[in-house]
Protein backbone atom coordinates (compact mmCIF):
# COMPACT_ATOMS: atom_id res chain seq x y z
CA MET A 1 0.00 0.00 0.00
CA GLY A 2 1.11 3.51 -0.74
CA LYS A 3 0.89 6.53 1.51
CA ASN A 4 -1.45 9.42 0.79
CA ARG A 5 -0.75 13.12 1.36
CA ASN A 6 -1.56 12.81 5.07
CA GLY A 7 1.09 10.12 5.53
CA THR A 8 -1.47 7.39 6.19
CA GLU A 9 -1.70 4.24 4.14
CA SER A 10 -4.18 4.24 1.26
CA PRO A 11 -5.53 1.11 -0.39
CA ALA A 12 -4.12 0.16 -3.78
CA GLY A 13 -6.29 0.36 -6.87
CA LYS A 14 -7.92 -2.67 -8.40
CA VAL A 15 -8.85 -3.96 -11.84
CA LEU A 16 -12.52 -4.55 -12.61
CA MET A 17 -14.23 -5.98 -15.67
CA ALA A 18 -17.44 -4.33 -16.88
CA GLU A 19 -20.40 -6.25 -18.30
CA ASP A 20 -19.28 -5.34 -21.83
CA GLY A 21 -15.89 -7.07 -21.23
CA LYS A 22 -13.81 -3.90 -20.90
CA GLN A 23 -11.29 -3.77 -18.07
CA TYR A 24 -10.87 -0.73 -15.82
CA PHE A 25 -8.26 0.20 -13.24
CA VAL A 26 -10.17 1.78 -10.36
CA TYR A 27 -8.52 3.97 -7.73
CA GLY A 28 -10.99 5.87 -5.59
CA LYS A 29 -13.32 7.76 -7.92
CA ASN A 30 -10.92 7.40 -10.87
CA HIS A 31 -11.71 4.77 -13.53
CA ILE A 32 -9.09 4.24 -16.24
CA GLU A 33 -9.96 1.97 -19.15
CA ILE A 34 -7.30 -0.65 -19.88
CA SER A 35 -7.11 -0.77 -23.64
CA GLU A 36 -3.66 -2.14 -24.50
CA HIS A 37 -1.88 -5.36 -23.66
CA PHE A 38 1.30 -7.01 -24.83
CA ALA A 39 0.67 -9.09 -27.94
CA THR A 40 0.74 -12.84 -27.31
CA ASN A 41 3.09 -13.32 -30.28
CA GLY A 42 5.19 -10.22 -29.59
CA LYS A 43 8.63 -9.83 -28.05
CA LYS A 44 9.20 -11.05 -24.51
CA LEU A 45 9.84 -8.50 -21.75
CA ASP A 46 13.55 -9.31 -21.52
CA ALA A 47 13.95 -8.64 -25.27
CA LEU A 48 12.12 -5.31 -24.93
CA LEU A 49 14.35 -4.29 -22.01
CA THR A 50 17.44 -5.28 -24.00
CA ASP A 51 16.25 -3.06 -26.86
CA VAL A 52 15.77 -0.14 -24.47
CA MET A 53 19.25 -0.59 -23.01
CA LEU A 54 20.85 -0.86 -26.46
CA TYR A 55 18.95 2.18 -27.68
CA THR A 56 20.10 4.18 -24.68
CA ALA A 57 23.71 3.01 -24.88
CA GLU A 58 24.21 2.98 -28.65
CA GLY A 59 21.43 5.17 -30.02
CA LYS A 60 19.65 2.40 -31.93
CA ILE A 61 17.27 -0.51 -31.41
CA SER A 62 18.41 -4.04 -32.25
CA ALA A 63 16.48 -6.10 -34.80
C-alpha cells in the first residue's frame, strides 16, 4: 500500500471488468480503461528491455 498526502496508508487500486468485457483500473473515484496489452506473439519482456538498453547506450534498437 502507498501513503497518501496525510502520511497514512491508502488502499491500492484494483482492476474490474465491466459487463461489456472492458477492463478498468479503479482507484478511488478514478476509472481508467485498460485498452492495450502485450501481444501474445510479440517480443518477450527481456527482449524489450534489452532493446531499451541498447537504444540508450548505442542510439539504436536491435532487430
